[in-house]
Amino acid sequence: GLVAPHPCDPVDQDCPLPGTACYGTDPPHCVESRHPPEGQVCEFNADCDPGATCLRWDSVGSTCSRYCSTRPDVPPELACDRGCDQGVLIFDLAQGYGVCRP
């Protein structure tokens, strides 16, 4: 089952308990992860690998989509402006993250 929600950073994936991952956008929180990979069809946030969340996109339906960072100090592959080939949806500029379009 789900564990008690714990606030977290979706890019850093800093959840303290094994088997949990940071999901969601309002605000992100730690829950048990089921691990389907990025790009797969999903129904719930926790259906996705750590580092991705389930979002509904007009073009592809509900899909595991990778978090990215708007902070300047991250590696290029994690950066929203360099690591997202299909564009990005920025969720929280103040918290420093968005989600790459699949």
Protein backbone atom coordinates (compact mmCIF):
# COMPACT_ATOMS: atom_id res chain seq x y z
CA GLY A 1 0.00 0.00 0.00
CA LEU A 2 0.88 3.64 -0.03
CA VAL A 3 3.11 5.14 2.64
CA ALA A 4 2.41 8.41 4.43
CA PRO A 5 3.12 11.27 2.00
CA HIS A 6 6.48 12.93 2.55
CA PRO A 7 7.49 16.18 0.76
CA CYS A 8 10.28 15.71 -1.78
CA ASP A 9 12.17 16.98 -4.84
CA PRO A 10 11.02 15.21 -8.05
CA VAL A 11 14.32 15.82 -9.84
CA ASP A 12 16.62 14.81 -6.96
CA GLN A 13 14.34 11.89 -5.93
CA ASP A 14 15.24 12.39 -2.26
CA CYS A 15 12.64 10.09 -0.66
CA PRO A 16 14.01 8.53 2.54
CA LEU A 17 12.28 5.13 2.40
CA PRO A 18 13.33 2.29 0.04
CA GLY A 19 10.73 1.46 -2.60
CA THR A 20 9.30 4.98 -2.64
CA ALA A 21 9.72 7.72 -5.21
CA CYS A 22 8.79 11.39 -5.55
CA TYR A 23 5.65 11.96 -7.65
CA GLY A 24 3.04 14.60 -8.31
CA THR A 25 3.11 18.32 -8.84
CA ASP A 26 0.97 19.98 -6.17
CA PRO A 27 3.17 19.52 -4.16
CA PRO A 28 5.38 16.50 -4.99
CA HIS A 29 5.40 13.76 -2.35
CA CYS A 30 6.93 10.32 -1.72
CA VAL A 31 4.76 7.26 -2.38
CA GLU A 32 5.38 3.58 -3.18
CA SER A 33 6.68 3.10 -6.73
CA ARG A 34 5.57 0.43 -9.24
CA HIS A 35 8.34 1.15 -11.80
CA PRO A 36 7.01 1.14 -15.41
CA PRO A 37 9.55 3.12 -17.46
CA GLU A 38 9.33 6.56 -19.02
CA GLY A 39 7.18 6.64 -22.16
CA GLN A 40 4.84 3.82 -21.03
CA VAL A 41 1.07 4.15 -20.63
CA CYS A 42 0.06 4.83 -17.01
CA GLU A 43 -2.93 5.50 -14.83
CA PHE A 44 -1.41 6.82 -11.59
CA ASN A 45 1.75 8.79 -10.74
CA ALA A 46 3.23 5.82 -8.86
CA ASP A 47 2.86 3.67 -12.01
CA CYS A 48 6.06 5.31 -13.30
CA ASP A 49 9.77 4.88 -12.61
CA PRO A 50 11.31 7.19 -10.02
CA GLY A 51 12.11 10.44 -11.84
CA ALA A 52 8.93 10.32 -13.95
CA THR A 53 5.24 11.04 -13.32
CA CYS A 54 1.97 10.13 -15.03
CA LEU A 55 0.56 13.00 -17.10
CA ARG A 56 -2.21 13.14 -19.70
CA TRP A 57 -0.99 14.65 -22.99
CA ASP A 58 -3.33 15.48 -25.87
CA SER A 59 -1.11 13.70 -28.39
CA VAL A 60 -0.35 10.43 -26.58
CA GLY A 61 -2.76 10.06 -23.64
CA SER A 62 -1.59 9.30 -20.10
CA THR A 63 2.13 8.59 -20.28
CA CYS A 64 5.06 8.30 -17.86
CA SER A 65 6.90 11.57 -18.39
CA ARG A 66 10.32 12.47 -16.99
CA TYR A 67 10.84 15.30 -14.51
CA CYS A 68 13.45 17.93 -15.40
CA SER A 69 15.08 20.77 -13.52
CA THR A 70 14.99 24.52 -14.18
CA ARG A 71 17.90 25.08 -11.77
CA PRO A 72 21.17 26.23 -13.40
CA ASP A 73 23.42 23.79 -11.52
CA VAL A 74 22.14 20.44 -12.88
CA PRO A 75 23.71 18.14 -15.50
CA PRO A 76 22.48 18.82 -19.07
CA GLU A 77 20.47 15.57 -19.25
CA LEU A 78 18.37 16.72 -16.25
CA ALA A 79 17.89 20.31 -17.45
CA CYS A 80 14.48 21.28 -18.86
CA ASP A 81 16.05 23.56 -21.47
CA ARG A 82 18.61 20.99 -22.69
CA GLY A 83 17.39 17.51 -21.74
CA CYS A 84 13.84 17.51 -23.17
CA ASP A 85 13.78 16.72 -26.90
CA GLN A 86 10.02 17.28 -27.37
CA GLY A 87 9.65 20.38 -25.21
CA VAL A 88 8.72 20.86 -21.58
CA LEU A 89 5.85 21.75 -19.29
CA ILE A 90 7.09 23.88 -16.37
CA PHE A 91 5.15 23.14 -13.18
CA ASP A 92 6.88 25.19 -10.54
CA LEU A 93 9.61 27.64 -11.49
CA ALA A 94 10.13 28.64 -7.84
CA GLN A 95 10.71 24.99 -6.83
CA GLY A 96 12.79 24.43 -9.95
CA TYR A 97 11.13 21.61 -11.89
CA GLY A 98 9.04 20.72 -14.91
CA VAL A 99 8.16 17.63 -16.96
CA CYS A 100 9.50 16.69 -20.40
CA ARG A 101 6.90 16.10 -23.11
CA PRO A 102 7.00 12.49 -24.35
